[in-house]
């Protein structure tokens, strides 16, 4: 099994606002992924979101922890996608940073 993909995105929003933006962002992600994903599940326990996406016969699962000054993410990628881990990490970091920027 490949090593999990981990990333940290700093923010200055505070925990509650960062969590609110992630909740809203999941709705947008669900809409974008609906064309290729057969299943998208997420659930919150306090400030941790667990998620699972099945797309093109591949399952991606992980969690996101919302902290006061950062968002920490750990994702288990299937071996085929683990080969693209750096590209995935860059894209997720870029999208997450846009979501968490002050507006």
PDB file of N, CA and C in Angstrom:
ATOM      1  N   UNK A   1       0.846  -1.185   0.000  1.00  0.00           N
ATOM      2  CA  UNK A   1       0.000   0.000   0.000  1.00  0.00           C
ATOM      3  C   UNK A   1       0.889   1.245   0.000  1.00  0.00           C
ATOM      4  N   UNK A   2       0.607   2.187  -0.892  1.00  0.00           N
ATOM      5  CA  UNK A   2       1.423   3.407  -0.952  1.00  0.00           C
ATOM      6  C   UNK A   2       1.296   4.247   0.320  1.00  0.00           C
ATOM      7  N   UNK A   3       2.291   5.061   0.545  1.00  0.00           N
ATOM      8  CA  UNK A   3       2.287   5.982   1.674  1.00  0.00           C
ATOM      9  C   UNK A   3       1.173   7.011   1.471  1.00  0.00           C
ATOM     10  N   UNK A   4       0.459   7.401   2.538  1.00  0.00           N
ATOM     11  CA  UNK A   4      -0.617   8.379   2.364  1.00  0.00           C
ATOM     12  C   UNK A   4      -0.072   9.732   1.886  1.00  0.00           C
ATOM     13  N   UNK A   5      -0.887  10.418   1.130  1.00  0.00           N
ATOM     14  CA  UNK A   5      -0.587  11.767   0.698  1.00  0.00           C
ATOM     15  C   UNK A   5      -1.003  12.699   1.836  1.00  0.00           C
ATOM     16  N   UNK A   6      -0.087  13.544   2.281  1.00  0.00           N
ATOM     17  CA  UNK A   6      -0.418  14.493   3.344  1.00  0.00           C
ATOM     18  C   UNK A   6      -0.087  15.900   2.879  1.00  0.00           C
ATOM     19  N   UNK A   7      -0.888  16.841   3.350  1.00  0.00           N
ATOM     20  CA  UNK A   7      -0.606  18.228   3.047  1.00  0.00           C
ATOM     21  C   UNK A   7      -1.188  19.122   4.123  1.00  0.00           C
ATOM     22  N   UNK A   8      -0.638  20.308   4.211  1.00  0.00           N
ATOM     23  CA  UNK A   8      -1.079  21.297   5.171  1.00  0.00           C
ATOM     24  C   UNK A   8      -1.246  22.616   4.443  1.00  0.00           C
ATOM     25  N   UNK A   9      -2.389  23.258   4.659  1.00  0.00           N
ATOM     26  CA  UNK A   9      -2.662  24.550   4.038  1.00  0.00           C
ATOM     27  C   UNK A   9      -2.891  25.561   5.155  1.00  0.00           C
ATOM     28  N   UNK A  10      -1.992  26.528   5.289  1.00  0.00           N
ATOM     29  CA  UNK A  10      -2.173  27.542   6.330  1.00  0.00           C
ATOM     30  C   UNK A  10      -3.310  28.505   5.965  1.00  0.00           C
ATOM     31  N   UNK A  11      -3.940  29.074   6.987  1.00  0.00           N
ATOM     32  CA  UNK A  11      -4.971  30.090   6.766  1.00  0.00           C
ATOM     33  C   UNK A  11      -5.006  31.013   7.982  1.00  0.00           C
ATOM     34  N   UNK A  12      -5.694  32.115   7.827  1.00  0.00           N
ATOM     35  CA  UNK A  12      -5.838  33.064   8.935  1.00  0.00           C
ATOM     36  C   UNK A  12      -7.316  33.352   9.199  1.00  0.00           C
ATOM     37  N   UNK A  13      -8.161  32.368   8.946  1.00  0.00           N
ATOM     38  CA  UNK A  13      -9.609  32.539   9.048  1.00  0.00           C
ATOM     39  C   UNK A  13     -10.173  32.170  10.413  1.00  0.00           C
ATOM     40  N   UNK A  14      -9.449  31.403  11.173  1.00  0.00           N
ATOM     41  CA  UNK A  14     -10.027  30.805  12.374  1.00  0.00           C
ATOM     42  C   UNK A  14     -10.706  29.500  12.003  1.00  0.00           C
ATOM     43  N   UNK A  15     -10.880  28.649  12.990  1.00  0.00           N
ATOM     44  CA  UNK A  15     -11.406  27.305  12.760  1.00  0.00           C
ATOM     45  C   UNK A  15     -12.827  27.317  12.178  1.00  0.00           C
ATOM     46  N   UNK A  16     -13.724  28.124  12.747  1.00  0.00           N
ATOM     47  CA  UNK A  16     -15.129  28.093  12.320  1.00  0.00           C
ATOM     48  C   UNK A  16     -15.316  28.524  10.872  1.00  0.00           C
ATOM     49  N   UNK A  17     -14.658  29.622  10.471  1.00  0.00           N
ATOM     50  CA  UNK A  17     -14.795  30.099   9.097  1.00  0.00           C
ATOM     51  C   UNK A  17     -14.140  29.132   8.113  1.00  0.00           C
ATOM     52  N   UNK A  18     -12.997  28.574   8.472  1.00  0.00           N
ATOM     53  CA  UNK A  18     -12.342  27.592   7.594  1.00  0.00           C
ATOM     54  C   UNK A  18     -13.248  26.378   7.402  1.00  0.00           C
ATOM     55  N   UNK A  19     -13.864  25.920   8.475  1.00  0.00           N
ATOM     56  CA  UNK A  19     -14.762  24.759   8.380  1.00  0.00           C
ATOM     57  C   UNK A  19     -15.975  25.102   7.508  1.00  0.00           C
ATOM     58  N   UNK A  20     -16.532  26.284   7.682  1.00  0.00           N
ATOM     59  CA  UNK A  20     -17.688  26.690   6.883  1.00  0.00           C
ATOM     60  C   UNK A  20     -17.329  26.680   5.391  1.00  0.00           C
ATOM     61  N   UNK A  21     -16.146  27.185   5.068  1.00  0.00           N
ATOM     62  CA  UNK A  21     -15.723  27.213   3.664  1.00  0.00           C
ATOM     63  C   UNK A  21     -15.502  25.815   3.111  1.00  0.00           C
ATOM     64  N   UNK A  22     -14.995  24.913   3.935  1.00  0.00           N
ATOM     65  CA  UNK A  22     -14.816  23.525   3.478  1.00  0.00           C
ATOM     66  C   UNK A  22     -16.163  22.844   3.244  1.00  0.00           C
ATOM     67  N   UNK A  23     -17.123  23.095   4.119  1.00  0.00           N
ATOM     68  CA  UNK A  23     -18.465  22.525   3.932  1.00  0.00           C
ATOM     69  C   UNK A  23     -19.048  23.022   2.612  1.00  0.00           C
ATOM     70  N   UNK A  24     -18.951  24.339   2.374  1.00  0.00           N
ATOM     71  CA  UNK A  24     -19.443  24.897   1.109  1.00  0.00           C
ATOM     72  C   UNK A  24     -18.663  24.330  -0.074  1.00  0.00           C
ATOM     73  N   UNK A  25     -17.351  24.204   0.079  1.00  0.00           N
ATOM     74  CA  UNK A  25     -16.496  23.689  -0.983  1.00  0.00           C
ATOM     75  C   UNK A  25     -16.810  22.251  -1.350  1.00  0.00           C
ATOM     76  N   UNK A  26     -17.239  21.455  -0.388  1.00  0.00           N
ATOM     77  CA  UNK A  26     -17.603  20.060  -0.697  1.00  0.00           C
ATOM     78  C   UNK A  26     -18.814  20.013  -1.617  1.00  0.00           C
ATOM     79  N   UNK A  27     -19.730  20.949  -1.450  1.00  0.00           N
ATOM     80  CA  UNK A  27     -20.879  21.009  -2.354  1.00  0.00           C
ATOM     81  C   UNK A  27     -20.440  21.281  -3.784  1.00  0.00           C
ATOM     82  N   UNK A  28     -19.489  22.204  -3.940  1.00  0.00           N
ATOM     83  CA  UNK A  28     -18.966  22.516  -5.270  1.00  0.00           C
ATOM     84  C   UNK A  28     -18.177  21.340  -5.836  1.00  0.00           C
ATOM     85  N   UNK A  29     -17.374  20.700  -4.995  1.00  0.00           N
ATOM     86  CA  UNK A  29     -16.587  19.544  -5.451  1.00  0.00           C
ATOM     87  C   UNK A  29     -17.511  18.402  -5.869  1.00  0.00           C
ATOM     88  N   UNK A  30     -18.567  18.192  -5.096  1.00  0.00           N
ATOM     89  CA  UNK A  30     -19.534  17.141  -5.419  1.00  0.00           C
ATOM     90  C   UNK A  30     -20.139  17.397  -6.804  1.00  0.00           C
ATOM     91  N   UNK A  31     -20.471  18.639  -7.097  1.00  0.00           N
ATOM     92  CA  UNK A  31     -21.050  18.985  -8.402  1.00  0.00           C
ATOM     93  C   UNK A  31     -20.052  18.733  -9.527  1.00  0.00           C
ATOM     94  N   UNK A  32     -18.780  19.120  -9.323  1.00  0.00           N
ATOM     95  CA  UNK A  32     -17.755  18.921 -10.358  1.00  0.00           C
ATOM     96  C   UNK A  32     -17.458  17.443 -10.580  1.00  0.00           C
ATOM     97  N   UNK A  33     -17.414  16.675  -9.496  1.00  0.00           N
ATOM     98  CA  UNK A  33     -17.043  15.265  -9.601  1.00  0.00           C
ATOM     99  C   UNK A  33     -18.196  14.349 -10.012  1.00  0.00           C
ATOM    100  N   UNK A  34     -19.409  14.844  -9.956  1.00  0.00           N
ATOM    101  CA  UNK A  34     -20.564  13.990 -10.220  1.00  0.00           C
ATOM    102  C   UNK A  34     -20.542  13.349 -11.607  1.00  0.00           C
ATOM    103  N   UNK A  35     -19.851  13.962 -12.548  1.00  0.00           N
ATOM    104  CA  UNK A  35     -19.780  13.399 -13.901  1.00  0.00           C
ATOM    105  C   UNK A  35     -18.928  12.139 -13.958  1.00  0.00           C
ATOM    106  N   UNK A  36     -17.948  12.006 -13.049  1.00  0.00           N
ATOM    107  CA  UNK A  36     -17.052  10.850 -13.102  1.00  0.00           C
ATOM    108  C   UNK A  36     -17.133   9.954 -11.866  1.00  0.00           C
ATOM    109  N   UNK A  37     -17.651  10.471 -10.771  1.00  0.00           N
ATOM    110  CA  UNK A  37     -17.678   9.698  -9.527  1.00  0.00           C
ATOM    111  C   UNK A  37     -18.973   8.906  -9.408  1.00  0.00           C
ATOM    112  N   UNK A  38     -18.836   7.667  -8.989  1.00  0.00           N
ATOM    113  CA  UNK A  38     -20.021   6.851  -8.750  1.00  0.00           C
ATOM    114  C   UNK A  38     -20.501   6.991  -7.316  1.00  0.00           C
ATOM    115  N   UNK A  39     -19.621   7.498  -6.443  1.00  0.00           N
ATOM    116  CA  UNK A  39     -19.976   7.675  -5.040  1.00  0.00           C
ATOM    117  C   UNK A  39     -19.103   8.759  -4.424  1.00  0.00           C
ATOM    118  N   UNK A  40     -19.734   9.677  -3.692  1.00  0.00           N
ATOM    119  CA  UNK A  40     -19.015  10.717  -2.951  1.00  0.00           C
ATOM    120  C   UNK A  40     -19.659  10.801  -1.573  1.00  0.00           C
ATOM    121  N   UNK A  41     -18.906  10.449  -0.566  1.00  0.00           N
ATOM    122  CA  UNK A  41     -19.426  10.469   0.800  1.00  0.00           C
ATOM    123  C   UNK A  41     -18.512  11.314   1.672  1.00  0.00           C
ATOM    124  N   UNK A  42     -19.120  12.092   2.559  1.00  0.00           N
ATOM    125  CA  UNK A  42     -18.335  12.811   3.554  1.00  0.00           C
ATOM    126  C   UNK A  42     -19.160  12.930   4.828  1.00  0.00           C
ATOM    127  N   UNK A  43     -18.461  12.958   5.956  1.00  0.00           N
ATOM    128  CA  UNK A  43     -19.126  13.129   7.247  1.00  0.00           C
ATOM    129  C   UNK A  43     -18.186  13.856   8.191  1.00  0.00           C
ATOM    130  N   UNK A  44     -18.778  14.622   9.084  1.00  0.00           N
ATOM    131  CA  UNK A  44     -18.005  15.407  10.044  1.00  0.00           C
ATOM    132  C   UNK A  44     -18.132  14.829  11.437  1.00  0.00           C
ATOM    133  N   UNK A  45     -17.029  14.801  12.155  1.00  0.00           N
ATOM    134  CA  UNK A  45     -16.987  14.522  13.582  1.00  0.00           C
ATOM    135  C   UNK A  45     -16.159  15.655  14.179  1.00  0.00           C
ATOM    136  N   UNK A  46     -16.855  16.556  14.874  1.00  0.00           N
ATOM    137  CA  UNK A  46     -16.218  17.757  15.410  1.00  0.00           C
ATOM    138  C   UNK A  46     -15.555  18.528  14.265  1.00  0.00           C
ATOM    139  N   UNK A  47     -14.241  18.682  14.287  1.00  0.00           N
ATOM    140  CA  UNK A  47     -13.543  19.452  13.261  1.00  0.00           C
ATOM    141  C   UNK A  47     -12.769  18.562  12.283  1.00  0.00           C
ATOM    142  N   UNK A  48     -13.215  17.325  12.136  1.00  0.00           N
ATOM    143  CA  UNK A  48     -12.594  16.391  11.192  1.00  0.00           C
ATOM    144  C   UNK A  48     -13.646  15.897  10.198  1.00  0.00           C
ATOM    145  N   UNK A  49     -13.309  16.055   8.925  1.00  0.00           N
ATOM    146  CA  UNK A  49     -14.175  15.529   7.881  1.00  0.00           C
ATOM    147  C   UNK A  49     -13.546  14.265   7.317  1.00  0.00           C
ATOM    148  N   UNK A  50     -14.301  13.188   7.319  1.00  0.00           N
ATOM    149  CA  UNK A  50     -13.888  11.945   6.660  1.00  0.00           C
ATOM    150  C   UNK A  50     -14.546  11.953   5.284  1.00  0.00           C
ATOM    151  N   UNK A  51     -13.813  11.522   4.271  1.00  0.00           N
ATOM    152  CA  UNK A  51     -14.392  11.482   2.940  1.00  0.00           C
ATOM    153  C   UNK A  51     -13.965  10.216   2.212  1.00  0.00           C
ATOM    154  N   UNK A  52     -14.792   9.868   1.222  1.00  0.00           N
ATOM    155  CA  UNK A  52     -14.530   8.704   0.379  1.00  0.00           C
ATOM    156  C   UNK A  52     -15.137   8.995  -0.986  1.00  0.00           C
ATOM    157  N   UNK A  53     -14.325   8.861  -2.022  1.00  0.00           N
ATOM    158  CA  UNK A  53     -14.774   9.094  -3.394  1.00  0.00           C
ATOM    159  C   UNK A  53     -14.431   7.864  -4.215  1.00  0.00           C
ATOM    160  N   UNK A  54     -15.404   7.368  -4.966  1.00  0.00           N
ATOM    161  CA  UNK A  54     -15.175   6.265  -5.888  1.00  0.00           C
ATOM    162  C   UNK A  54     -15.393   6.823  -7.297  1.00  0.00           C
ATOM    163  N   UNK A  55     -14.343   6.746  -8.107  1.00  0.00           N
ATOM    164  CA  UNK A  55     -14.411   7.242  -9.483  1.00  0.00           C
ATOM    165  C   UNK A  55     -13.546   6.352 -10.357  1.00  0.00           C
ATOM    166  N   UNK A  56     -14.074   5.989 -11.497  1.00  0.00           N
ATOM    167  CA  UNK A  56     -13.346   5.158 -12.455  1.00  0.00           C
ATOM    168  C   UNK A  56     -12.774   3.914 -11.792  1.00  0.00           C
ATOM    169  N   UNK A  57     -13.582   3.273 -10.963  1.00  0.00           N
ATOM    170  CA  UNK A  57     -13.230   2.030 -10.264  1.00  0.00           C
ATOM    171  C   UNK A  57     -12.069   2.206  -9.283  1.00  0.00           C
ATOM    172  N   UNK A  58     -11.786   3.432  -8.875  1.00  0.00           N
ATOM    173  CA  UNK A  58     -10.730   3.718  -7.907  1.00  0.00           C
ATOM    174  C   UNK A  58     -11.355   4.376  -6.678  1.00  0.00           C
ATOM    175  N   UNK A  59     -10.915   3.992  -5.493  1.00  0.00           N
ATOM    176  CA  UNK A  59     -11.422   4.579  -4.256  1.00  0.00           C
ATOM    177  C   UNK A  59     -10.342   5.441  -3.618  1.00  0.00           C
ATOM    178  N   UNK A  60     -10.719   6.657  -3.302  1.00  0.00           N
ATOM    179  CA  UNK A  60      -9.858   7.609  -2.608  1.00  0.00           C
ATOM    180  C   UNK A  60     -10.540   7.912  -1.287  1.00  0.00           C
ATOM    181  N   UNK A  61      -9.825   7.740  -0.190  1.00  0.00           N
ATOM    182  CA  UNK A  61     -10.407   7.995   1.130  1.00  0.00           C
ATOM    183  C   UNK A  61      -9.409   8.755   1.981  1.00  0.00           C
ATOM    184  N   UNK A  62      -9.924   9.513   2.919  1.00  0.00           N
ATOM    185  CA  UNK A  62      -9.038  10.243   3.806  1.00  0.00           C
ATOM    186  C   UNK A  62      -9.798  11.105   4.779  1.00  0.00           C
ATOM    187  N   UNK A  63      -9.077  12.024   5.382  1.00  0.00           N
ATOM    188  CA  UNK A  63      -9.704  12.958   6.312  1.00  0.00           C
ATOM    189  C   UNK A  63      -9.027  14.321   6.241  1.00  0.00           C
ATOM    190  N   UNK A  64      -9.785  15.315   6.673  1.00  0.00           N
ATOM    191  CA  UNK A  64      -9.306  16.687   6.743  1.00  0.00           C
ATOM    192  C   UNK A  64      -9.555  17.179   8.155  1.00  0.00           C
ATOM    193  N   UNK A  65      -8.506  17.686   8.799  1.00  0.00           N
ATOM    194  CA  UNK A  65      -8.629  18.283  10.128  1.00  0.00           C
ATOM    195  C   UNK A  65      -8.561  19.792   9.986  1.00  0.00           C
ATOM    196  N   UNK A  66      -9.557  20.472  10.547  1.00  0.00           N
ATOM    197  CA  UNK A  66      -9.581  21.930  10.514  1.00  0.00           C
ATOM    198  C   UNK A  66      -9.013  22.430  11.834  1.00  0.00           C
ATOM    199  N   UNK A  67      -7.902  23.125  11.748  1.00  0.00           N
ATOM    200  CA  UNK A  67      -7.253  23.710  12.918  1.00  0.00           C
ATOM    201  C   UNK A  67      -7.444  25.225  12.883  1.00  0.00           C
ATOM    202  N   UNK A  68      -7.090  25.888  13.943  1.00  0.00           N
ATOM    203  CA  UNK A  68      -7.275  27.338  14.045  1.00  0.00           C
ATOM    204  C   UNK A  68      -6.518  28.098  12.949  1.00  0.00           C
ATOM    205  N   UNK A  69      -5.347  27.593  12.549  1.00  0.00           N
ATOM    206  CA  UNK A  69      -4.527  28.325  11.581  1.00  0.00           C
ATOM    207  C   UNK A  69      -4.073  27.495  10.383  1.00  0.00           C
ATOM    208  N   UNK A  70      -4.627  26.305  10.237  1.00  0.00           N
ATOM    209  CA  UNK A  70      -4.287  25.468   9.075  1.00  0.00           C
ATOM    210  C   UNK A  70      -5.339  24.386   8.876  1.00  0.00           C
ATOM    211  N   UNK A  71      -5.287  23.790   7.703  1.00  0.00           N
ATOM    212  CA  UNK A  71      -6.105  22.624   7.375  1.00  0.00           C
ATOM    213  C   UNK A  71      -5.119  21.520   7.032  1.00  0.00           C
ATOM    214  N   UNK A  72      -5.234  20.387   7.720  1.00  0.00           N
ATOM    215  CA  UNK A  72      -4.343  19.245   7.512  1.00  0.00           C
ATOM    216  C   UNK A  72      -5.139  18.139   6.814  1.00  0.00           C
ATOM    217  N   UNK A  73      -4.557  17.568   5.784  1.00  0.00           N
ATOM    218  CA  UNK A  73      -5.261  16.552   4.999  1.00  0.00           C
ATOM    219  C   UNK A  73      -4.390  15.316   4.848  1.00  0.00           C
ATOM    220  N   UNK A  74      -5.011  14.164   4.984  1.00  0.00           N
ATOM    221  CA  UNK A  74      -4.334  12.894   4.724  1.00  0.00           C
ATOM    222  C   UNK A  74      -5.245  12.059   3.836  1.00  0.00           C
ATOM    223  N   UNK A  75      -4.676  11.574   2.731  1.00  0.00           N
ATOM    224  CA  UNK A  75      -5.453  10.842   1.735  1.00  0.00           C
ATOM    225  C   UNK A  75      -4.764   9.533   1.395  1.00  0.00           C
ATOM    226  N   UNK A  76      -5.528   8.464   1.382  1.00  0.00           N
ATOM    227  CA  UNK A  76      -5.053   7.160   0.915  1.00  0.00           C
ATOM    228  C   UNK A  76      -5.403   7.051  -0.564  1.00  0.00           C
ATOM    229  N   UNK A  77      -4.391   6.973  -1.395  1.00  0.00           N
ATOM    230  CA  UNK A  77      -4.597   6.855  -2.837  1.00  0.00           C
ATOM    231  C   UNK A  77      -4.380   5.412  -3.278  1.00  0.00           C
ATOM    232  N   UNK A  78      -5.200   4.921  -4.195  1.00  0.00           N
ATOM    233  CA  UNK A  78      -4.914   3.612  -4.778  1.00  0.00           C
ATOM    234  C   UNK A  78      -3.603   3.688  -5.548  1.00  0.00           C
ATOM    235  N   UNK A  79      -2.967   2.543  -5.743  1.00  0.00           N
ATOM    236  CA  UNK A  79      -1.618   2.543  -6.319  1.00  0.00           C
ATOM    237  C   UNK A  79      -1.543   3.270  -7.655  1.00  0.00           C
ATOM    238  N   UNK A  80      -2.574   3.145  -8.496  1.00  0.00           N
ATOM    239  CA  UNK A  80      -2.536   3.797  -9.814  1.00  0.00           C
ATOM    240  C   UNK A  80      -2.490   5.319  -9.674  1.00  0.00           C
ATOM    241  N   UNK A  81      -3.227   5.859  -8.726  1.00  0.00           N
ATOM    242  CA  UNK A  81      -3.213   7.304  -8.517  1.00  0.00           C
ATOM    243  C   UNK A  81      -2.020   7.757  -7.691  1.00  0.00           C
ATOM    244  N   UNK A  82      -1.458   6.854  -6.900  1.00  0.00           N
ATOM    245  CA  UNK A  82      -0.280   7.201  -6.108  1.00  0.00           C
ATOM    246  C   UNK A  82       0.886   7.591  -7.009  1.00  0.00           C
ATOM    247  N   UNK A  83       0.881   7.078  -8.222  1.00  0.00           N
ATOM    248  CA  UNK A  83       1.922   7.449  -9.180  1.00  0.00           C
ATOM    249  C   UNK A  83       1.838   8.929  -9.548  1.00  0.00           C
ATOM    250  N   UNK A  84       0.661   9.514  -9.358  1.00  0.00           N
ATOM    251  CA  UNK A  84       0.439  10.924  -9.678  1.00  0.00           C
ATOM    252  C   UNK A  84       0.339  11.776  -8.414  1.00  0.00           C
ATOM    253  N   UNK A  85       0.839  11.279  -7.302  1.00  0.00           N
ATOM    254  CA  UNK A  85       0.661  11.934  -6.001  1.00  0.00           C
ATOM    255  C   UNK A  85       1.151  13.376  -5.997  1.00  0.00           C
ATOM    256  N   UNK A  86       2.290  13.663  -6.597  1.00  0.00           N
ATOM    257  CA  UNK A  86       2.806  15.031  -6.590  1.00  0.00           C
ATOM    258  C   UNK A  86       1.877  15.985  -7.339  1.00  0.00           C
ATOM    259  N   UNK A  87       1.388  15.560  -8.482  1.00  0.00           N
ATOM    260  CA  UNK A  87       0.462  16.400  -9.248  1.00  0.00           C
ATOM    261  C   UNK A  87      -0.838  16.608  -8.486  1.00  0.00           C
ATOM    262  N   UNK A  88      -1.343  15.543  -7.870  1.00  0.00           N
ATOM    263  CA  UNK A  88      -2.576  15.642  -7.083  1.00  0.00           C
ATOM    264  C   UNK A  88      -2.368  16.577  -5.900  1.00  0.00           C
ATOM    265  N   UNK A  89      -1.250  16.433  -5.228  1.00  0.00           N
ATOM    266  CA  UNK A  89      -0.952  17.280  -4.066  1.00  0.00           C
ATOM    267  C   UNK A  89      -0.894  18.751  -4.469  1.00  0.00           C
ATOM    268  N   UNK A  90      -0.242  19.054  -5.575  1.00  0.00           N
ATOM    269  CA  UNK A  90      -0.151  20.435  -6.048  1.00  0.00           C
ATOM    270  C   UNK A  90      -1.527  21.005  -6.376  1.00  0.00           C
ATOM    271  N   UNK A  91      -2.351  20.227  -7.055  1.00  0.00           N
ATOM    272  CA  UNK A  91      -3.685  20.701  -7.434  1.00  0.00           C
ATOM    273  C   UNK A  91      -4.562  20.914  -6.204  1.00  0.00           C
ATOM    274  N   UNK A  92      -4.551  19.959  -5.279  1.00  0.00           N
ATOM    275  CA  UNK A  92      -5.369  20.086  -4.069  1.00  0.00           C
ATOM    276  C   UNK A  92      -4.891  21.268  -3.229  1.00  0.00           C
ATOM    277  N   UNK A  93      -3.598  21.445  -3.114  1.00  0.00           N
ATOM    278  CA  UNK A  93      -3.059  22.582  -2.356  1.00  0.00           C
ATOM    279  C   UNK A  93      -3.488  23.898  -2.991  1.00  0.00           C
ATOM    280  N   UNK A  94      -3.404  23.980  -4.309  1.00  0.00           N
ATOM    281  CA  UNK A  94      -3.807  25.195  -5.020  1.00  0.00           C
ATOM    282  C   UNK A  94      -5.293  25.491  -4.810  1.00  0.00           C
ATOM    283  N   UNK A  95      -6.139  24.477  -4.984  1.00  0.00           N
ATOM    284  CA  UNK A  95      -7.581  24.669  -4.821  1.00  0.00           C
ATOM    285  C   UNK A  95      -7.936  24.993  -3.369  1.00  0.00           C
ATOM    286  N   UNK A  96      -7.287  24.304  -2.432  1.00  0.00           N
ATOM    287  CA  UNK A  96      -7.546  24.552  -1.015  1.00  0.00           C
ATOM    288  C   UNK A  96      -7.130  25.956  -0.611  1.00  0.00           C
ATOM    289  N   UNK A  97      -6.014  26.420  -1.128  1.00  0.00           N
ATOM    290  CA  UNK A  97      -5.546  27.771  -0.821  1.00  0.00           C
ATOM    291  C   UNK A  97      -6.541  28.805  -1.350  1.00  0.00           C
ATOM    292  N   UNK A  98      -7.039  28.606  -2.554  1.00  0.00           N
ATOM    293  CA  UNK A  98      -8.049  29.520  -3.103  1.00  0.00           C
ATOM    294  C   UNK A  98      -9.304  29.542  -2.230  1.00  0.00           C
ATOM    295  N   UNK A  99      -9.718  28.379  -1.764  1.00  0.00           N
ATOM    296  CA  UNK A  99     -10.913  28.274  -0.938  1.00  0.00           C
ATOM    297  C   UNK A  99     -10.744  28.990   0.406  1.00  0.00           C
ATOM    298  N   UNK A 100      -9.517  28.963   0.925  1.00  0.00           N
ATOM    299  CA  UNK A 100      -9.265  29.494   2.264  1.00  0.00           C
ATOM    300  C   UNK A 100      -8.675  30.905   2.276  1.00  0.00           C
ATOM    301  N   UNK A 101      -8.521  31.506   1.102  1.00  0.00           N
ATOM    302  CA  UNK A 101      -8.010  32.878   1.064  1.00  0.00           C
ATOM    303  C   UNK A 101      -9.023  33.827   1.675  1.00  0.00           C
ATOM    304  N   UNK A 102      -8.517  34.875   2.304  1.00  0.00           N
ATOM    305  CA  UNK A 102      -9.406  35.912   2.849  1.00  0.00           C
ATOM    306  C   UNK A 102     -10.146  36.584   1.701  1.00  0.00           C
ATOM    307  N   UNK A 103     -11.415  36.875   1.897  1.00  0.00           N
ATOM    308  CA  UNK A 103     -12.213  37.572   0.890  1.00  0.00           C
ATOM    309  C   UNK A 103     -12.913  38.745   1.514  1.00  0.00           C
TER     310      UNK A 103
END
